[in-house]
N, C-alpha and C. Protein backbone atom coordinates (compact mmCIF):
# COMPACT_ATOMS: atom_id res chain seq x y z
N MET A 1 -17.82 -7.21 -19.92
CA MET A 1 -17.82 -6.23 -19.04
C MET A 1 -17.95 -6.34 -17.68
N ALA A 2 -18.91 -6.82 -17.23
CA ALA A 2 -19.29 -7.63 -15.94
C ALA A 2 -18.14 -8.27 -15.45
N LEU A 3 -17.61 -9.37 -16.03
CA LEU A 3 -16.42 -10.01 -15.64
C LEU A 3 -15.37 -9.34 -15.22
N ASP A 4 -14.91 -8.16 -16.12
CA ASP A 4 -13.98 -7.28 -15.88
C ASP A 4 -14.13 -6.53 -14.49
N ARG A 5 -15.35 -6.05 -14.26
CA ARG A 5 -15.67 -5.62 -12.91
C ARG A 5 -15.66 -6.48 -11.84
N ALA A 6 -16.06 -7.77 -11.90
CA ALA A 6 -15.87 -8.71 -10.79
C ALA A 6 -14.30 -8.94 -10.63
N ARG A 7 -13.70 -8.97 -11.71
CA ARG A 7 -12.40 -9.34 -11.44
C ARG A 7 -11.71 -8.08 -10.75
N LEU A 8 -12.06 -6.89 -11.21
CA LEU A 8 -11.23 -5.63 -10.78
C LEU A 8 -11.65 -5.51 -9.15
N PHE A 9 -12.96 -5.70 -8.77
CA PHE A 9 -13.25 -5.83 -7.42
C PHE A 9 -12.46 -6.84 -6.37
N ALA A 10 -12.27 -8.09 -7.21
CA ALA A 10 -11.50 -9.05 -6.54
C ALA A 10 -10.09 -8.59 -6.34
N ALA A 11 -9.57 -8.34 -7.46
CA ALA A 11 -7.97 -7.63 -7.58
C ALA A 11 -7.85 -6.59 -6.23
N CYS A 12 -8.91 -5.59 -6.13
CA CYS A 12 -9.01 -4.48 -5.11
C CYS A 12 -8.95 -5.29 -3.76
N ALA A 13 -9.62 -6.13 -3.63
CA ALA A 13 -9.88 -6.83 -2.41
C ALA A 13 -8.67 -7.30 -1.92
N LEU A 14 -8.04 -8.11 -2.96
CA LEU A 14 -6.60 -8.54 -2.65
C LEU A 14 -5.57 -7.61 -2.43
N SER A 15 -5.56 -6.73 -3.13
CA SER A 15 -4.57 -5.50 -2.92
C SER A 15 -4.86 -4.87 -1.79
N CYS A 16 -5.99 -4.81 -1.16
CA CYS A 16 -6.13 -3.82 0.15
C CYS A 16 -5.73 -4.94 1.13
N SER A 17 -5.96 -6.25 1.19
CA SER A 17 -5.45 -7.25 2.02
C SER A 17 -3.72 -7.47 2.05
N ILE A 18 -3.15 -7.21 0.94
CA ILE A 18 -1.79 -7.06 0.88
C ILE A 18 -1.15 -6.07 1.39
N TRP A 19 -1.88 -4.74 1.26
CA TRP A 19 -1.36 -3.44 1.84
C TRP A 19 -1.46 -3.72 3.19
N TYR A 20 -2.45 -4.14 3.92
CA TYR A 20 -2.82 -4.20 5.47
C TYR A 20 -1.95 -5.32 5.81
N LEU A 21 -1.44 -6.30 5.27
CA LEU A 21 -0.49 -7.34 5.68
C LEU A 21 0.85 -6.70 6.05
N LEU A 22 1.16 -5.84 4.72
CA LEU A 22 2.53 -5.10 4.80
C LEU A 22 2.46 -4.18 5.95
N TYR A 23 1.43 -3.34 6.19
CA TYR A 23 1.44 -2.38 7.33
C TYR A 23 1.40 -2.92 8.52
N ALA A 24 0.76 -4.19 8.89
CA ALA A 24 0.58 -4.68 10.45
C ALA A 24 1.66 -5.62 10.62
N VAL A 25 1.97 -6.41 9.92
CA VAL A 25 2.82 -7.49 9.83
C VAL A 25 4.50 -7.19 9.34
N VAL A 26 4.92 -6.95 8.04
CA VAL A 26 5.97 -6.82 7.62
C VAL A 26 6.68 -5.67 7.94
N THR A 27 6.29 -4.49 7.88
CA THR A 27 6.64 -3.20 8.39
C THR A 27 7.32 -3.23 9.93
N PRO A 28 6.25 -3.69 10.98
CA PRO A 28 7.02 -3.83 12.21
C PRO A 28 8.23 -4.83 12.16
N PHE A 29 7.97 -5.85 11.53
CA PHE A 29 9.04 -6.94 11.60
C PHE A 29 10.31 -6.44 10.93
N LEU A 30 10.39 -5.72 9.92
CA LEU A 30 11.68 -5.09 9.21
C LEU A 30 12.00 -3.93 10.40
N SER A 31 11.02 -3.21 10.76
CA SER A 31 11.49 -2.04 11.62
C SER A 31 12.26 -2.70 12.77
N LYS A 32 11.81 -3.61 13.52
CA LYS A 32 12.81 -4.25 14.38
C LYS A 32 14.02 -4.75 14.39
N MET A 33 14.19 -5.41 12.96
CA MET A 33 15.52 -5.63 12.78
C MET A 33 16.42 -4.54 12.25
N ILE A 34 15.52 -3.47 11.30
CA ILE A 34 16.58 -2.44 10.99
C ILE A 34 17.01 -1.35 12.08
N VAL A 35 16.04 -0.93 12.72
CA VAL A 35 16.19 0.09 13.76
C VAL A 35 15.49 -0.30 15.18
N PRO A 36 16.07 -1.44 15.78
CA PRO A 36 15.86 -1.91 16.79
C PRO A 36 15.65 -1.23 18.10
N ILE A 37 16.61 -0.19 18.38
CA ILE A 37 16.32 0.93 19.53
C ILE A 37 15.17 1.71 19.57
N HIS A 38 15.33 2.45 18.28
CA HIS A 38 14.30 3.52 18.13
C HIS A 38 13.13 2.66 18.21
N TYR A 39 12.53 1.48 17.55
CA TYR A 39 11.17 0.99 17.28
C TYR A 39 10.88 0.58 18.64
N ASP A 40 11.70 -0.13 19.31
CA ASP A 40 11.42 -0.58 20.81
C ASP A 40 11.43 0.30 21.64
N LYS A 41 11.60 1.54 21.50
CA LYS A 41 11.48 2.60 22.50
C LYS A 41 10.10 3.16 22.19
N MET A 42 9.57 3.20 20.79
CA MET A 42 8.50 3.60 20.69
C MET A 42 7.17 2.66 21.11
N LEU A 43 7.60 1.30 21.16
CA LEU A 43 6.65 0.26 21.59
C LEU A 43 6.40 0.55 22.95
N GLN A 44 7.53 0.60 23.88
CA GLN A 44 7.75 0.90 25.33
C GLN A 44 7.00 2.16 25.84
N ASP A 45 7.08 3.05 25.03
CA ASP A 45 6.28 4.36 25.19
C ASP A 45 4.91 4.34 24.91
N SER A 46 4.45 3.31 23.90
CA SER A 46 3.15 3.19 23.67
C SER A 46 2.30 2.29 24.74
N LYS A 47 3.04 1.87 25.77
CA LYS A 47 2.37 1.19 26.80
C LYS A 47 2.29 1.95 27.87
N LYS A 48 3.17 2.89 28.12
CA LYS A 48 3.33 3.66 29.53
C LYS A 48 1.96 4.03 29.98
N LYS A 49 1.70 4.24 31.26
CA LYS A 49 0.56 4.59 31.94
C LYS A 49 -0.04 6.03 31.55
N ASP A 50 1.02 7.13 31.39
CA ASP A 50 0.69 8.25 31.06
C ASP A 50 0.03 8.43 29.67
N GLU A 51 -1.29 8.71 29.70
CA GLU A 51 -1.88 8.61 28.32
C GLU A 51 -1.22 9.52 27.50
N LYS A 52 -1.10 10.72 27.61
CA LYS A 52 -0.14 11.61 26.46
C LYS A 52 0.94 11.22 26.06
N ILE A 53 1.78 10.51 26.73
CA ILE A 53 3.06 10.08 26.15
C ILE A 53 2.55 8.72 25.45
N ALA A 54 1.64 7.94 25.73
CA ALA A 54 1.24 6.76 25.26
C ALA A 54 0.45 6.99 24.04
N LYS A 55 -0.33 7.89 24.02
CA LYS A 55 -0.92 8.35 22.43
C LYS A 55 -0.07 8.88 21.63
N LYS A 56 0.98 9.72 22.03
CA LYS A 56 1.99 10.38 21.06
C LYS A 56 2.73 9.12 20.55
N ALA A 57 3.35 8.06 21.22
CA ALA A 57 4.15 6.87 20.77
C ALA A 57 2.91 6.14 19.68
N ARG A 58 1.79 5.76 20.10
CA ARG A 58 0.96 5.33 19.39
C ARG A 58 0.79 5.62 18.00
N ASN A 59 0.67 7.33 17.96
CA ASN A 59 0.62 8.08 16.81
C ASN A 59 1.77 7.88 15.95
N ALA A 60 2.88 7.85 16.62
CA ALA A 60 4.34 7.69 15.95
C ALA A 60 4.65 6.55 15.30
N LEU A 61 3.86 5.45 16.08
CA LEU A 61 4.04 4.06 15.44
C LEU A 61 3.30 3.92 14.38
N GLY A 62 1.99 4.26 14.38
CA GLY A 62 1.10 4.47 13.27
C GLY A 62 1.92 5.07 11.92
N GLU A 63 2.37 6.26 12.28
CA GLU A 63 3.03 6.85 11.02
C GLU A 63 4.16 6.41 10.61
N TRP A 64 4.69 5.75 11.62
CA TRP A 64 6.18 5.03 11.16
C TRP A 64 5.71 3.85 10.27
N ASN A 65 4.80 2.95 10.61
CA ASN A 65 4.45 1.79 9.91
C ASN A 65 3.60 1.96 8.62
N SER A 66 3.27 3.14 8.65
CA SER A 66 2.48 3.54 7.19
C SER A 66 3.38 3.99 6.25
N ARG A 67 4.47 4.58 6.71
CA ARG A 67 5.69 4.89 5.60
C ARG A 67 6.02 4.01 4.34
N TRP A 68 6.68 2.76 5.21
CA TRP A 68 6.96 1.99 3.80
C TRP A 68 5.99 1.41 2.95
N PRO A 69 4.75 1.04 3.43
CA PRO A 69 3.57 1.05 2.37
C PRO A 69 3.24 1.85 1.67
N GLY A 70 3.63 3.29 1.87
CA GLY A 70 3.18 4.53 0.83
C GLY A 70 4.08 4.55 -0.02
N PHE A 71 5.50 4.31 0.74
CA PHE A 71 6.51 4.54 -0.23
C PHE A 71 6.70 3.51 -1.57
N LEU A 72 6.24 2.33 -0.87
CA LEU A 72 6.23 1.08 -1.72
C LEU A 72 5.21 1.12 -2.74
N HIS A 73 3.89 1.76 -2.39
CA HIS A 73 3.05 2.23 -3.15
C HIS A 73 3.16 3.27 -4.43
N ALA A 74 3.99 4.43 -4.01
CA ALA A 74 4.52 5.17 -4.93
C ALA A 74 5.42 4.71 -6.17
N VAL A 75 6.27 3.98 -5.66
CA VAL A 75 7.23 3.27 -6.82
C VAL A 75 6.57 2.31 -7.59
N ILE A 76 5.47 1.46 -7.27
CA ILE A 76 4.84 0.36 -7.98
C ILE A 76 3.83 1.22 -8.99
N GLN A 77 3.19 2.37 -8.21
CA GLN A 77 2.17 3.08 -9.32
C GLN A 77 3.04 3.97 -10.28
N GLY A 78 4.09 4.26 -9.88
CA GLY A 78 5.12 5.25 -11.09
C GLY A 78 5.33 4.08 -12.35
N CYS A 79 5.89 2.83 -11.63
CA CYS A 79 6.55 2.06 -12.79
C CYS A 79 5.18 1.64 -13.21
N LEU A 80 4.04 1.38 -13.07
CA LEU A 80 2.92 1.10 -13.59
C LEU A 80 2.48 2.04 -14.66
N GLY A 81 2.36 3.32 -14.07
CA GLY A 81 1.85 4.43 -15.01
C GLY A 81 2.83 4.70 -16.07
N ILE A 82 4.00 4.70 -16.02
CA ILE A 82 5.01 4.79 -16.96
C ILE A 82 4.82 3.78 -18.00
N TYR A 83 4.74 2.39 -17.45
CA TYR A 83 4.58 1.20 -18.52
C TYR A 83 3.26 1.31 -19.19
N CYS A 84 1.98 1.57 -18.63
CA CYS A 84 0.79 2.04 -19.21
C CYS A 84 0.86 3.05 -20.37
N CYS A 85 1.91 3.88 -19.92
CA CYS A 85 1.43 5.32 -20.85
C CYS A 85 2.50 5.14 -22.15
N PHE A 86 3.65 4.14 -22.05
CA PHE A 86 4.88 4.35 -23.18
C PHE A 86 4.69 3.09 -23.73
N PHE A 87 4.31 2.05 -22.99
CA PHE A 87 4.84 0.47 -23.43
C PHE A 87 3.94 -0.55 -23.53
N ASP A 88 2.68 -0.37 -23.14
CA ASP A 88 1.69 -1.20 -22.89
C ASP A 88 0.97 -1.10 -24.45
N LYS A 89 1.52 -2.19 -25.18
CA LYS A 89 0.90 -2.27 -26.71
C LYS A 89 -0.66 -2.58 -26.71
N GLU A 90 -1.18 -3.12 -25.73
CA GLU A 90 -2.72 -3.43 -25.75
C GLU A 90 -3.60 -2.37 -25.70
N LEU A 91 -2.85 -1.44 -24.63
CA LEU A 91 -3.48 0.00 -24.49
C LEU A 91 -3.37 1.06 -25.40
N ILE A 92 -2.23 1.02 -26.19
CA ILE A 92 -1.99 2.05 -27.23
C ILE A 92 -2.66 1.48 -28.60
N GLU A 93 -3.06 0.33 -28.78
CA GLU A 93 -3.86 0.10 -29.87
C GLU A 93 -5.33 0.04 -29.57
N ASN A 94 -5.73 -0.15 -28.57
CA ASN A 94 -7.39 -0.19 -28.35
C ASN A 94 -7.77 1.39 -27.96
N THR A 95 -7.84 1.91 -28.95
CA THR A 95 -8.09 3.35 -28.62
C THR A 95 -9.73 3.65 -28.40
N VAL A 96 -10.50 2.35 -28.58
CA VAL A 96 -11.90 2.59 -28.49
C VAL A 96 -12.45 2.65 -26.89
N SER A 97 -11.67 1.33 -26.23
CA SER A 97 -12.06 1.18 -25.02
C SER A 97 -11.08 1.32 -23.78
N ASN A 98 -9.89 1.95 -24.61
CA ASN A 98 -8.63 2.41 -23.74
C ASN A 98 -8.52 1.53 -22.51
N THR A 99 -8.62 0.26 -22.68
CA THR A 99 -8.27 -0.72 -21.25
C THR A 99 -7.36 -1.58 -21.65
N SER A 100 -6.54 -2.26 -20.73
CA SER A 100 -5.77 -3.38 -20.85
C SER A 100 -5.54 -3.89 -19.34
N THR A 101 -4.93 -5.07 -19.54
CA THR A 101 -4.63 -5.83 -18.19
C THR A 101 -3.77 -5.08 -17.34
N ALA A 102 -2.54 -4.32 -17.77
CA ALA A 102 -1.80 -3.55 -16.92
C ALA A 102 -2.49 -2.51 -16.36
N TRP A 103 -3.42 -2.03 -17.12
CA TRP A 103 -4.10 -0.76 -16.58
C TRP A 103 -4.79 -1.19 -15.31
N MET A 104 -5.58 -2.34 -15.87
CA MET A 104 -6.67 -2.96 -14.65
C MET A 104 -5.74 -3.30 -13.24
N VAL A 105 -4.38 -3.70 -13.58
CA VAL A 105 -3.66 -4.04 -12.25
C VAL A 105 -3.18 -2.58 -11.56
N ALA A 106 -2.99 -1.65 -12.35
CA ALA A 106 -2.79 -0.21 -11.77
C ALA A 106 -3.99 0.28 -11.15
N CYS A 107 -5.09 -0.06 -11.34
CA CYS A 107 -6.09 0.55 -11.04
C CYS A 107 -6.66 -0.28 -9.55
N ALA A 108 -6.23 -1.54 -9.73
CA ALA A 108 -6.76 -2.31 -8.53
C ALA A 108 -5.66 -2.06 -7.30
N VAL A 109 -4.32 -1.68 -7.79
CA VAL A 109 -3.41 -1.54 -6.66
C VAL A 109 -3.95 0.11 -5.98
N ALA A 110 -4.32 0.99 -6.78
CA ALA A 110 -4.58 2.38 -6.41
C ALA A 110 -5.85 2.13 -5.32
N CYS A 111 -6.83 1.50 -6.02
CA CYS A 111 -7.89 1.25 -5.10
C CYS A 111 -7.72 0.40 -3.85
N GLY A 112 -6.74 -0.61 -3.74
CA GLY A 112 -6.48 -1.27 -2.73
C GLY A 112 -5.64 -0.35 -1.70
N VAL A 113 -4.73 0.41 -2.08
CA VAL A 113 -4.29 1.40 -1.52
C VAL A 113 -5.27 2.38 -0.57
N PHE A 114 -6.18 2.78 -1.53
CA PHE A 114 -7.21 3.81 -1.28
C PHE A 114 -7.97 3.11 -0.06
N ALA A 115 -8.51 1.86 -0.29
CA ALA A 115 -9.25 1.30 0.86
C ALA A 115 -8.60 1.03 2.12
N TRP A 116 -7.37 0.85 1.90
CA TRP A 116 -6.49 0.43 2.88
C TRP A 116 -6.11 1.64 3.80
N ASP A 117 -5.78 2.71 3.27
CA ASP A 117 -5.55 3.85 3.96
C ASP A 117 -6.72 4.39 4.61
């Protein structure tokens, strides 16, 4: 039981790191490739001297960069939840402790997103 908790904690920390990497590195990179004009305008506005415009642009950038990780999390958690509920033999057969590897992965992904957000 203690080993399962240690592995779950390590998986949560890894998940949090992956979500942060997605937010801080991957999303800005993909945004510059997919919508370069709009994203570059937000970047330029975030560096303006007018604090009101810069703050609004920084908020827009933060919101923009958090949309893709949020969407990806919803898709991953939905698929993991469906798998655990209907297809995971280990979880269906183990009615005493109600746990499985897929269930632990789903919990680690959810905890990682919660800690990142």
